Amino acid sequence: MEMVGLIQNAITSMQTGTEAPAVGWMFNSLFGIQATEDLNDRGIGRPQEQMEALAKMQNLLTTVEKHSNGAFQLPTFNGVLRNTRIFCSHTWLLPTDRRINPATRVASIPFFFLPGNGLPVTTFWYDFEIDFYVHPTPNLARPELLICGANNAASASTENNAITFCPMQFGIFTTSADYPNQPTLDALSPDLIGAFGTVSASFLHEYTHIVGRGIFGNAANPIPDVNLFPEHYGFPAASQLPTSLGISNALKNADSYALLGVALKLSQCDWRNGACHSPAYWAALRRQTLAAAQLLLGIGSTASGP
């Protein structure tokens, strides 16, 4: 939960206007919440919408922290409160088209699920532990494909209250035949933030899905519903959200929190454009931009150093 603590501290610094430029501009890139440096350059205060967004983010991360410490449990589909289960394989889900006896784990002889109108028998996924059947979607007809998720890292099920990591993250399976939905990893440059898709980042991504449900907030402490569809994976897609769909929708994108966590953890870089640059690089660029703007406007230079 180190990344959670880093984000919580960063949110506090944003609220008080004391954050480092690299921190502020990352919030701007991923959530549309302006850096204090930008606000100061414009001579304006932080808009109320942005203050409310920061409060919602803090409420979300506080809820994640409470859940990770066992102080906050989540309900399964039937409303039973329990800790979130974590798996590293799809085998906790059993494909079946029959009723399963939860005590004996034996399938009934007659078919239980029989769609009408002559349609083929539907295969469900059965969760033994909570005696629950999940109806698969057409493009995710096998559990091993589901649990790797669309980003080929992990998946979260709010109905089952479970997080499952793709086994290939841990080298458990070594052939594409085991998990055919898992592509060869792109050869990302190590100076791009997308190269750091760690287990910790995946865990934070899925955790915000599990805990980030608006129903766990209230009028005094609202939290975002982190279930944006379609999801925007990776920095290029996530950084388009604030301008294309607005701050409120950016707060609903799980990968935005994971990317922020990575950027704060790897704080030797300023990741505001998705690549590793030194703070001095951006400070120099800012001075040049302000000088050019002031020259255009015919006013004297007042730009300060980093």
C-alpha atoms as a PDB file:
ATOM      1  CA  MET A   1       0.000   0.000   0.000  1.00  0.00           C
ATOM      2  CA  GLU A   2       2.995   2.317  -0.371  1.00  0.00           C
ATOM      3  CA  MET A   3       1.545   3.881  -3.503  1.00  0.00           C
ATOM      4  CA  VAL A   4      -1.701   4.612  -1.658  1.00  0.00           C
ATOM      5  CA  GLY A   5       0.217   6.589   0.971  1.00  0.00           C
ATOM      6  CA  LEU A   6       2.147   8.458  -1.708  1.00  0.00           C
ATOM      7  CA  ILE A   7      -1.060   9.473  -3.469  1.00  0.00           C
ATOM      8  CA  GLN A   8      -2.700  10.525  -0.181  1.00  0.00           C
ATOM      9  CA  ASN A   9       0.247  12.784   0.631  1.00  0.00           C
ATOM     10  CA  ALA A  10       0.238  14.181  -2.891  1.00  0.00           C
ATOM     11  CA  ILE A  11      -3.477  15.000  -2.675  1.00  0.00           C
ATOM     12  CA  THR A  12      -2.907  16.864   0.593  1.00  0.00           C
ATOM     13  CA  SER A  13      -0.119  18.904  -0.989  1.00  0.00           C
ATOM     14  CA  MET A  14      -2.391  19.708  -3.929  1.00  0.00           C
ATOM     15  CA  GLN A  15      -5.118  20.875  -1.554  1.00  0.00           C
ATOM     16  CA  THR A  16      -2.699  23.178   0.248  1.00  0.00           C
ATOM     17  CA  GLY A  17      -0.905  24.340  -2.898  1.00  0.00           C
ATOM     18  CA  THR A  18       2.469  23.064  -1.732  1.00  0.00           C
ATOM     19  CA  GLU A  19       3.080  20.231  -4.207  1.00  0.00           C
ATOM     20  CA  ALA A  20       6.211  19.934  -6.329  1.00  0.00           C
ATOM     21  CA  PRO A  21       5.630  20.919  -9.976  1.00  0.00           C
ATOM     22  CA  ALA A  22       6.145  17.302 -11.117  1.00  0.00           C
ATOM     23  CA  VAL A  23       3.338  16.190  -8.799  1.00  0.00           C
ATOM     24  CA  GLY A  24       0.951  18.948  -9.789  1.00  0.00           C
ATOM     25  CA  TRP A  25       1.405  18.488 -13.507  1.00  0.00           C
ATOM     26  CA  MET A  26       0.824  14.737 -13.199  1.00  0.00           C
ATOM     27  CA  PHE A  27      -2.540  15.446 -11.580  1.00  0.00           C
ATOM     28  CA  ASN A  28      -3.224  17.836 -14.444  1.00  0.00           C
ATOM     29  CA  SER A  29      -2.297  15.254 -17.084  1.00  0.00           C
ATOM     30  CA  LEU A  30      -4.309  12.390 -15.619  1.00  0.00           C
ATOM     31  CA  PHE A  31      -7.259  14.084 -13.916  1.00  0.00           C
ATOM     32  CA  GLY A  32      -7.453  17.639 -15.262  1.00  0.00           C
ATOM     33  CA  ILE A  33      -6.665  19.036 -11.794  1.00  0.00           C
ATOM     34  CA  GLN A  34      -4.333  21.954 -12.414  1.00  0.00           C
ATOM     35  CA  ALA A  35      -0.858  22.218 -10.929  1.00  0.00           C
ATOM     36  CA  THR A  36      -0.482  25.026  -8.401  1.00  0.00           C
ATOM     37  CA  GLU A  37       2.352  26.316 -10.575  1.00  0.00           C
ATOM     38  CA  ASP A  38      -0.094  26.714 -13.452  1.00  0.00           C
ATOM     39  CA  LEU A  39      -2.668  28.423 -11.240  1.00  0.00           C
ATOM     40  CA  ASN A  40      -0.034  30.862  -9.976  1.00  0.00           C
ATOM     41  CA  ASP A  41       1.105  31.641 -13.504  1.00  0.00           C
ATOM     42  CA  ARG A  42      -2.484  32.481 -14.375  1.00  0.00           C
ATOM     43  CA  GLY A  43      -3.042  34.410 -11.156  1.00  0.00           C
ATOM     44  CA  ILE A  44      -6.120  32.406 -10.133  1.00  0.00           C
ATOM     45  CA  GLY A  45      -7.145  30.174  -7.268  1.00  0.00           C
ATOM     46  CA  ARG A  46      -8.083  26.533  -7.531  1.00  0.00           C
ATOM     47  CA  PRO A  47     -11.633  26.110  -8.896  1.00  0.00           C
ATOM     48  CA  GLN A  48     -14.186  24.516  -6.573  1.00  0.00           C
ATOM     49  CA  GLU A  49     -14.703  21.588  -8.974  1.00  0.00           C
ATOM     50  CA  GLN A  50     -11.045  20.674  -8.613  1.00  0.00           C
ATOM     51  CA  MET A  51     -11.132  20.939  -4.817  1.00  0.00           C
ATOM     52  CA  GLU A  52     -14.137  18.630  -4.762  1.00  0.00           C
ATOM     53  CA  ALA A  53     -12.349  16.185  -7.083  1.00  0.00           C
ATOM     54  CA  LEU A  54      -9.322  16.100  -4.769  1.00  0.00           C
ATOM     55  CA  ALA A  55     -11.608  15.432  -1.799  1.00  0.00           C
ATOM     56  CA  LYS A  56     -13.247  12.520  -3.624  1.00  0.00           C
ATOM     57  CA  MET A  57      -9.840  11.070  -4.474  1.00  0.00           C
ATOM     58  CA  GLN A  58      -8.748  11.347  -0.852  1.00  0.00           C
ATOM     59  CA  ASN A  59     -11.953   9.649   0.321  1.00  0.00           C
ATOM     60  CA  LEU A  60     -11.335   6.825  -2.171  1.00  0.00           C
ATOM     61  CA  LEU A  61      -7.749   6.262  -1.053  1.00  0.00           C
ATOM     62  CA  THR A  62      -8.776   6.397   2.615  1.00  0.00           C
ATOM     63  CA  THR A  63     -11.366   3.698   1.921  1.00  0.00           C
ATOM     64  CA  VAL A  64      -8.732   1.581   0.149  1.00  0.00           C
ATOM     65  CA  GLU A  65      -6.426   1.978   3.147  1.00  0.00           C
ATOM     66  CA  LYS A  66      -9.156   0.970   5.602  1.00  0.00           C
ATOM     67  CA  HIS A  67     -10.037  -2.092   3.559  1.00  0.00           C
ATOM     68  CA  SER A  68      -6.408  -3.190   3.261  1.00  0.00           C
ATOM     69  CA  ASN A  69      -6.067  -2.940   7.047  1.00  0.00           C
ATOM     70  CA  GLY A  70      -9.165  -5.074   7.611  1.00  0.00           C
ATOM     71  CA  ALA A  71     -11.200  -2.184   9.018  1.00  0.00           C
ATOM     72  CA  PHE A  72     -13.631  -2.150   6.109  1.00  0.00           C
ATOM     73  CA  GLN A  73     -15.153  -5.216   4.462  1.00  0.00           C
ATOM     74  CA  LEU A  74     -17.037  -5.389   1.201  1.00  0.00           C
ATOM     75  CA  PRO A  75     -20.237  -7.283   0.351  1.00  0.00           C
ATOM     76  CA  THR A  76     -20.482 -10.049  -2.224  1.00  0.00           C
ATOM     77  CA  PHE A  77     -23.480 -10.316  -4.561  1.00  0.00           C
ATOM     78  CA  ASN A  78     -25.719 -11.492  -1.701  1.00  0.00           C
ATOM     79  CA  GLY A  79     -24.729  -8.698   0.669  1.00  0.00           C
ATOM     80  CA  VAL A  80     -22.453 -10.778   2.931  1.00  0.00           C
ATOM     81  CA  LEU A  81     -19.535  -8.696   4.203  1.00  0.00           C
ATOM     82  CA  ARG A  82     -16.102 -10.267   3.809  1.00  0.00           C
ATOM     83  CA  ASN A  83     -12.499  -9.504   2.976  1.00  0.00           C
ATOM     84  CA  THR A  84     -11.596  -9.345  -0.700  1.00  0.00           C
ATOM     85  CA  ARG A  85     -10.133 -12.587  -1.998  1.00  0.00           C
ATOM     86  CA  ILE A  86      -6.933 -12.508  -4.068  1.00  0.00           C
ATOM     87  CA  PHE A  87      -6.049 -15.235  -6.579  1.00  0.00           C
ATOM     88  CA  CYS A  88      -3.166 -15.906  -8.966  1.00  0.00           C
ATOM     89  CA  SER A  89      -5.024 -18.370 -11.196  1.00  0.00           C
ATOM     90  CA  HIS A  90      -8.454 -18.805 -12.753  1.00  0.00           C
ATOM     91  CA  THR A  91      -9.027 -22.189 -11.106  1.00  0.00           C
ATOM     92  CA  TRP A  92     -11.322 -20.756  -8.409  1.00  0.00           C
ATOM     93  CA  LEU A  93     -13.911 -20.449 -11.210  1.00  0.00           C
ATOM     94  CA  LEU A  94     -15.366 -23.633 -12.678  1.00  0.00           C
ATOM     95  CA  PRO A  95     -16.960 -23.571 -16.145  1.00  0.00           C
ATOM     96  CA  THR A  96     -20.230 -25.485 -15.896  1.00  0.00           C
ATOM     97  CA  ASP A  97     -23.656 -25.809 -17.492  1.00  0.00           C
ATOM     98  CA  ARG A  98     -25.097 -27.721 -14.521  1.00  0.00           C
ATOM     99  CA  ARG A  99     -26.102 -27.024 -10.941  1.00  0.00           C
ATOM    100  CA  ILE A 100     -23.178 -27.689  -8.576  1.00  0.00           C
ATOM    101  CA  ASN A 101     -23.644 -29.006  -5.039  1.00  0.00           C
ATOM    102  CA  PRO A 102     -21.526 -26.575  -2.942  1.00  0.00           C
ATOM    103  CA  ALA A 103     -20.973 -29.193  -0.234  1.00  0.00           C
ATOM    104  CA  THR A 104     -19.785 -32.029  -2.471  1.00  0.00           C
ATOM    105  CA  ARG A 105     -18.679 -29.907  -5.461  1.00  0.00           C
ATOM    106  CA  VAL A 106     -20.360 -32.471  -7.709  1.00  0.00           C
ATOM    107  CA  ALA A 107     -22.450 -31.444 -10.705  1.00  0.00           C
ATOM    108  CA  SER A 108     -26.049 -32.552 -10.976  1.00  0.00           C
ATOM    109  CA  ILE A 109     -26.854 -35.173 -13.605  1.00  0.00           C
ATOM    110  CA  PRO A 110     -29.646 -33.275 -15.366  1.00  0.00           C
ATOM    111  CA  PHE A 111     -28.823 -29.944 -16.958  1.00  0.00           C
ATOM    112  CA  PHE A 112     -29.814 -27.057 -14.763  1.00  0.00           C
ATOM    113  CA  PHE A 113     -29.202 -24.124 -17.114  1.00  0.00           C
ATOM    114  CA  LEU A 114     -31.245 -24.718 -20.251  1.00  0.00           C
ATOM    115  CA  PRO A 115     -31.961 -21.617 -22.325  1.00  0.00           C
ATOM    116  CA  GLY A 116     -35.236 -21.849 -24.151  1.00  0.00           C
ATOM    117  CA  ASN A 117     -36.081 -21.501 -27.817  1.00  0.00           C
ATOM    118  CA  GLY A 118     -33.627 -24.156 -28.891  1.00  0.00           C
ATOM    119  CA  LEU A 119     -30.552 -22.090 -27.989  1.00  0.00           C
ATOM    120  CA  PRO A 120     -27.314 -23.876 -27.019  1.00  0.00           C
ATOM    121  CA  VAL A 121     -26.708 -24.687 -23.379  1.00  0.00           C
ATOM    122  CA  THR A 122     -24.942 -21.779 -21.711  1.00  0.00           C
ATOM    123  CA  THR A 123     -21.751 -22.311 -19.740  1.00  0.00           C
ATOM    124  CA  PHE A 124     -21.580 -20.376 -16.493  1.00  0.00           C
ATOM    125  CA  TRP A 125     -18.645 -19.828 -14.140  1.00  0.00           C
ATOM    126  CA  TYR A 126     -19.197 -21.215 -10.687  1.00  0.00           C
ATOM    127  CA  ASP A 127     -17.562 -19.767  -7.561  1.00  0.00           C
ATOM    128  CA  PHE A 128     -17.485 -22.601  -4.999  1.00  0.00           C
ATOM    129  CA  GLU A 129     -16.707 -20.468  -1.983  1.00  0.00           C
ATOM    130  CA  ILE A 130     -19.760 -18.232  -2.222  1.00  0.00           C
ATOM    131  CA  ASP A 131     -22.000 -20.575  -4.282  1.00  0.00           C
ATOM    132  CA  PHE A 132     -22.419 -18.078  -7.100  1.00  0.00           C
ATOM    133  CA  TYR A 133     -22.814 -18.433 -10.867  1.00  0.00           C
ATOM    134  CA  VAL A 134     -21.436 -15.767 -13.205  1.00  0.00           C
ATOM    135  CA  HIS A 135     -22.814 -15.481 -16.714  1.00  0.00           C
ATOM    136  CA  PRO A 136     -19.881 -15.066 -19.156  1.00  0.00           C
ATOM    137  CA  THR A 137     -19.949 -12.423 -21.850  1.00  0.00           C
ATOM    138  CA  PRO A 138     -19.578 -13.574 -25.472  1.00  0.00           C
ATOM    139  CA  ASN A 139     -16.036 -12.236 -25.815  1.00  0.00           C
ATOM    140  CA  LEU A 140     -14.921 -13.677 -22.473  1.00  0.00           C
ATOM    141  CA  ALA A 141     -16.178 -17.225 -22.683  1.00  0.00           C
ATOM    142  CA  ARG A 142     -13.353 -18.791 -20.675  1.00  0.00           C
ATOM    143  CA  PRO A 143     -12.208 -17.920 -17.149  1.00  0.00           C
ATOM    144  CA  GLU A 144      -8.533 -17.946 -18.103  1.00  0.00           C
ATOM    145  CA  LEU A 145      -9.217 -15.144 -20.555  1.00  0.00           C
ATOM    146  CA  LEU A 146     -11.308 -13.151 -18.101  1.00  0.00           C
ATOM    147  CA  ILE A 147      -8.849 -13.099 -15.253  1.00  0.00           C
ATOM    148  CA  CYS A 148      -6.020 -11.648 -17.339  1.00  0.00           C
ATOM    149  CA  GLY A 149      -8.259  -8.663 -18.007  1.00  0.00           C
ATOM    150  CA  ALA A 150      -8.215  -6.315 -20.953  1.00  0.00           C
ATOM    151  CA  ASN A 151      -4.814  -4.977 -19.894  1.00  0.00           C
ATOM    152  CA  ASN A 152      -3.359  -8.513 -19.602  1.00  0.00           C
ATOM    153  CA  ALA A 153      -2.422  -8.016 -15.974  1.00  0.00           C
ATOM    154  CA  ALA A 154      -5.331  -8.687 -13.624  1.00  0.00           C
ATOM    155  CA  SER A 155      -9.075  -8.365 -13.162  1.00  0.00           C
ATOM    156  CA  ALA A 156     -11.519  -7.475 -10.414  1.00  0.00           C
ATOM    157  CA  SER A 157     -14.986  -8.876  -9.802  1.00  0.00           C
ATOM    158  CA  THR A 158     -17.201  -6.740  -7.593  1.00  0.00           C
ATOM    159  CA  GLU A 159     -19.924  -9.411  -7.565  1.00  0.00           C
ATOM    160  CA  ASN A 160     -17.509 -12.030  -6.256  1.00  0.00           C
ATOM    161  CA  ASN A 161     -15.418  -9.535  -4.263  1.00  0.00           C
ATOM    162  CA  ALA A 162     -12.221 -10.949  -5.740  1.00  0.00           C
ATOM    163  CA  ILE A 163      -9.050  -9.809  -7.492  1.00  0.00           C
ATOM    164  CA  THR A 164      -7.239 -12.238  -9.771  1.00  0.00           C
ATOM    165  CA  PHE A 165      -3.771 -11.674 -11.185  1.00  0.00           C
ATOM    166  CA  CYS A 166      -2.830 -13.076 -14.558  1.00  0.00           C
ATOM    167  CA  PRO A 167      -0.445 -15.986 -13.825  1.00  0.00           C
ATOM    168  CA  MET A 168       1.934 -14.892 -16.563  1.00  0.00           C
ATOM    169  CA  GLN A 169       2.846 -11.873 -14.422  1.00  0.00           C
ATOM    170  CA  PHE A 170       4.606 -14.300 -12.120  1.00  0.00           C
ATOM    171  CA  GLY A 171       6.013 -16.620 -14.790  1.00  0.00           C
ATOM    172  CA  ILE A 172       3.733 -19.452 -13.646  1.00  0.00           C
ATOM    173  CA  PHE A 173       2.736 -20.239 -17.222  1.00  0.00           C
ATOM    174  CA  THR A 174       5.311 -19.924 -19.969  1.00  0.00           C
ATOM    175  CA  THR A 175       3.437 -20.718 -23.175  1.00  0.00           C
ATOM    176  CA  SER A 176       0.775 -18.768 -25.004  1.00  0.00           C
ATOM    177  CA  ALA A 177      -1.324 -21.949 -25.136  1.00  0.00           C
ATOM    178  CA  ASP A 178      -1.984 -21.664 -21.400  1.00  0.00           C
ATOM    179  CA  TYR A 179      -3.297 -18.102 -21.658  1.00  0.00           C
ATOM    180  CA  PRO A 180      -3.889 -17.359 -25.343  1.00  0.00           C
ATOM    181  CA  ASN A 181      -5.216 -13.878 -24.627  1.00  0.00           C
ATOM    182  CA  GLN A 182      -1.818 -12.837 -23.266  1.00  0.00           C
ATOM    183  CA  PRO A 183       0.222 -11.140 -26.011  1.00  0.00           C
ATOM    184  CA  THR A 184       3.965 -10.754 -26.172  1.00  0.00           C
ATOM    185  CA  LEU A 185       4.897  -7.741 -24.087  1.00  0.00           C
ATOM    186  CA  ASP A 186       5.733  -4.657 -26.106  1.00  0.00           C
ATOM    187  CA  ALA A 187       9.361  -3.597 -25.989  1.00  0.00           C
ATOM    188  CA  LEU A 188       8.664  -0.328 -24.201  1.00  0.00           C
ATOM    189  CA  SER A 189      11.497   2.095 -23.642  1.00  0.00           C
ATOM    190  CA  PRO A 190      12.458   2.249 -19.948  1.00  0.00           C
ATOM    191  CA  ASP A 191      11.994   6.033 -20.065  1.00  0.00           C
ATOM    192  CA  LEU A 192       8.236   5.633 -20.660  1.00  0.00           C
ATOM    193  CA  ILE A 193       5.927   5.254 -17.691  1.00  0.00           C
ATOM    194  CA  GLY A 194       4.132   2.385 -19.446  1.00  0.00           C
ATOM    195  CA  ALA A 195       7.250   0.263 -18.998  1.00  0.00           C
ATOM    196  CA  PHE A 196       6.576   0.053 -15.272  1.00  0.00           C
ATOM    197  CA  GLY A 197       3.389  -2.016 -15.262  1.00  0.00           C
ATOM    198  CA  THR A 198       4.324  -3.685 -11.994  1.00  0.00           C
ATOM    199  CA  VAL A 199       2.271  -6.015  -9.833  1.00  0.00           C
ATOM    200  CA  SER A 200       1.938  -3.136  -7.358  1.00  0.00           C
ATOM    201  CA  ALA A 201       0.459  -0.904 -10.048  1.00  0.00           C
ATOM    202  CA  SER A 202      -1.900  -3.676 -11.167  1.00  0.00           C
ATOM    203  CA  PHE A 203      -2.971  -4.239  -7.572  1.00  0.00           C
ATOM    204  CA  LEU A 204      -3.744  -0.545  -7.087  1.00  0.00           C
ATOM    205  CA  HIS A 205      -5.676  -0.507 -10.379  1.00  0.00           C
ATOM    206  CA  GLU A 206      -7.866  -3.453  -9.355  1.00  0.00           C
ATOM    207  CA  TYR A 207      -8.220  -2.273  -5.769  1.00  0.00           C
ATOM    208  CA  THR A 208      -9.734   1.017  -6.928  1.00  0.00           C
ATOM    209  CA  HIS A 209     -12.270  -1.025  -8.921  1.00  0.00           C
ATOM    210  CA  ILE A 210     -13.204  -3.116  -5.892  1.00  0.00           C
ATOM    211  CA  VAL A 211     -13.372  -0.287  -3.360  1.00  0.00           C
ATOM    212  CA  GLY A 212     -14.173   2.590  -5.701  1.00  0.00           C
ATOM    213  CA  ARG A 213     -17.922   2.229  -5.741  1.00  0.00           C
ATOM    214  CA  GLY A 214     -20.051   5.286  -5.135  1.00  0.00           C
ATOM    215  CA  ILE A 215     -22.314   3.386  -2.750  1.00  0.00           C
ATOM    216  CA  PHE A 216     -19.521   3.376  -0.148  1.00  0.00           C
ATOM    217  CA  GLY A 217     -19.520   7.159  -0.022  1.00  0.00           C
ATOM    218  CA  ASN A 218     -22.077   9.590   1.326  1.00  0.00           C
ATOM    219  CA  ALA A 219     -22.981  13.251   1.036  1.00  0.00           C
ATOM    220  CA  ALA A 220     -20.277  14.221   3.506  1.00  0.00           C
ATOM    221  CA  ASN A 221     -17.599  11.920   2.070  1.00  0.00           C
ATOM    222  CA  PRO A 222     -18.355  11.163  -1.598  1.00  0.00           C
ATOM    223  CA  ILE A 223     -16.080   8.848  -3.558  1.00  0.00           C
ATOM    224  CA  PRO A 224     -15.892   8.299  -7.324  1.00  0.00           C
ATOM    225  CA  ASP A 225     -17.416   5.205  -8.909  1.00  0.00           C
ATOM    226  CA  VAL A 226     -14.257   3.721 -10.452  1.00  0.00           C
ATOM    227  CA  ASN A 227     -15.939   1.730 -13.187  1.00  0.00           C
ATOM    228  CA  LEU A 228     -15.482   3.796 -16.336  1.00  0.00           C
ATOM    229  CA  PHE A 229     -16.405   1.899 -19.496  1.00  0.00           C
ATOM    230  CA  PRO A 230     -14.583   1.548 -21.727  1.00  0.00           C
ATOM    231  CA  GLU A 231     -11.513   1.748 -19.553  1.00  0.00           C
ATOM    232  CA  HIS A 232      -8.610   3.888 -20.714  1.00  0.00           C
ATOM    233  CA  TYR A 233      -5.412   1.899 -20.244  1.00  0.00           C
ATOM    234  CA  GLY A 234      -1.954   3.420 -20.369  1.00  0.00           C
ATOM    235  CA  PHE A 235      -0.812   7.027 -20.243  1.00  0.00           C
ATOM    236  CA  PRO A 236      -1.714   8.057 -23.831  1.00  0.00           C
ATOM    237  CA  ALA A 237      -5.356   7.021 -23.363  1.00  0.00           C
ATOM    238  CA  ALA A 238      -5.719   8.069 -19.720  1.00  0.00           C
ATOM    239  CA  SER A 239      -4.260  11.521 -20.343  1.00  0.00           C
ATOM    240  CA  GLN A 240      -6.945  12.184 -22.972  1.00  0.00           C
ATOM    241  CA  LEU A 241      -9.777  11.694 -20.486  1.00  0.00           C
ATOM    242  CA  PRO A 242      -9.755  15.099 -18.756  1.00  0.00           C
ATOM    243  CA  THR A 243     -10.180  16.977 -22.037  1.00  0.00           C
ATOM    244  CA  SER A 244     -12.442  14.468 -23.783  1.00  0.00           C
ATOM    245  CA  LEU A 245     -14.763  13.432 -20.943  1.00  0.00           C
ATOM    246  CA  GLY A 246     -13.982  15.822 -18.091  1.00  0.00           C
ATOM    247  CA  ILE A 247     -12.628  15.554 -14.563  1.00  0.00           C
ATOM    248  CA  SER A 248     -15.557  13.519 -13.208  1.00  0.00           C
ATOM    249  CA  ASN A 249     -14.963  10.722 -15.704  1.00  0.00           C
ATOM    250  CA  ALA A 250     -11.191  10.836 -15.285  1.00  0.00           C
ATOM    251  CA  LEU A 251     -11.781  10.081 -11.592  1.00  0.00           C
ATOM    252  CA  LYS A 252     -13.585   6.883 -12.631  1.00  0.00           C
ATOM    253  CA  ASN A 253     -10.621   5.442 -14.561  1.00  0.00           C
ATOM    254  CA  ALA A 254      -8.683   2.890 -12.508  1.00  0.00           C
ATOM    255  CA  ASP A 255      -5.505   3.040 -14.568  1.00  0.00           C
ATOM    256  CA  SER A 256      -5.168   6.761 -13.890  1.00  0.00           C
ATOM    257  CA  TYR A 257      -4.606   6.003 -10.203  1.00  0.00           C
ATOM    258  CA  ALA A 258      -2.086   3.272 -11.034  1.00  0.00           C
ATOM    259  CA  LEU A 259      -0.165   5.618 -13.340  1.00  0.00           C
ATOM    260  CA  LEU A 260      -0.164   8.328 -10.682  1.00  0.00           C
ATOM    261  CA  GLY A 261       1.134   5.840  -8.121  1.00  0.00           C
ATOM    262  CA  VAL A 262       3.980   4.794 -10.420  1.00  0.00           C
ATOM    263  CA  ALA A 263       4.905   8.422 -11.136  1.00  0.00           C
ATOM    264  CA  LEU A 264       5.017   9.271  -7.428  1.00  0.00           C
ATOM    265  CA  LYS A 265       7.032   6.160  -6.619  1.00  0.00           C
ATOM    266  CA  LEU A 266       9.557   6.936  -9.380  1.00  0.00           C
ATOM    267  CA  SER A 267       9.833  10.561  -8.326  1.00  0.00           C
ATOM    268  CA  GLN A 268      13.317  11.010  -9.745  1.00  0.00           C
ATOM    269  CA  CYS A 269      11.487  11.775 -13.006  1.00  0.00           C
ATOM    270  CA  ASP A 270       8.826  14.278 -13.950  1.00  0.00           C
ATOM    271  CA  TRP A 271       6.357  12.093 -15.878  1.00  0.00           C
ATOM    272  CA  ARG A 272       3.835  14.748 -16.908  1.00  0.00           C
ATOM    273  CA  ASN A 273       3.937  13.731 -20.595  1.00  0.00           C
ATOM    274  CA  GLY A 274       4.387  10.004 -19.939  1.00  0.00           C
ATOM    275  CA  ALA A 275       8.168  10.082 -20.387  1.00  0.00           C
ATOM    276  CA  CYS A 276      11.002  10.466 -17.898  1.00  0.00           C
ATOM    277  CA  HIS A 277      12.358  14.018 -17.867  1.00  0.00           C
ATOM    278  CA  SER A 278      14.244  15.829 -15.134  1.00  0.00           C
ATOM    279  CA  PRO A 279      12.492  18.610 -13.217  1.00  0.00           C
ATOM    280  CA  ALA A 280      15.150  20.962 -14.615  1.00  0.00           C
ATOM    281  CA  TYR A 281      14.054  20.119 -18.161  1.00  0.00           C
ATOM    282  CA  TRP A 282      10.486  21.232 -17.488  1.00  0.00           C
ATOM    283  CA  ALA A 283      11.581  24.273 -15.464  1.00  0.00           C
ATOM    284  CA  ALA A 284      13.693  25.481 -18.369  1.00  0.00           C
ATOM    285  CA  LEU A 285      10.866  24.863 -20.824  1.00  0.00           C
ATOM    286  CA  ARG A 286       8.488  26.799 -18.586  1.00  0.00           C
ATOM    287  CA  ARG A 287      10.833  29.781 -18.448  1.00  0.00           C
ATOM    288  CA  GLN A 288      11.141  29.754 -22.217  1.00  0.00           C
ATOM    289  CA  THR A 289       7.366  29.519 -22.667  1.00  0.00           C
ATOM    290  CA  LEU A 290       6.651  32.345 -20.211  1.00  0.00           C
ATOM    291  CA  ALA A 291       9.324  34.550 -21.781  1.00  0.00           C
ATOM    292  CA  ALA A 292       7.863  33.973 -25.236  1.00  0.00           C
ATOM    293  CA  ALA A 293       4.351  34.753 -23.992  1.00  0.00           C
ATOM    294  CA  GLN A 294       5.480  37.920 -22.255  1.00  0.00           C
ATOM    295  CA  LEU A 295       7.363  39.047 -25.335  1.00  0.00           C
ATOM    296  CA  LEU A 296       4.254  38.477 -27.414  1.00  0.00           C
ATOM    297  CA  LEU A 297       2.177  40.487 -24.940  1.00  0.00           C
ATOM    298  CA  GLY A 298       4.807  43.201 -24.677  1.00  0.00           C
ATOM    299  CA  ILE A 299       5.318  42.932 -20.918  1.00  0.00           C
ATOM    300  CA  GLY A 300       8.444  42.539 -18.825  1.00  0.00           C
ATOM    301  CA  SER A 301       9.727  39.126 -17.727  1.00  0.00           C
ATOM    302  CA  THR A 302       8.689  38.017 -14.250  1.00  0.00           C
ATOM    303  CA  ALA A 303       9.318  34.306 -14.581  1.00  0.00           C
ATOM    304  CA  SER A 304      11.060  32.847 -11.561  1.00  0.00           C
ATOM    305  CA  GLY A 305      13.299  29.817 -11.353  1.00  0.00           C
ATOM    306  CA  PRO A 306      12.145  26.285 -10.509  1.00  0.00           C
END
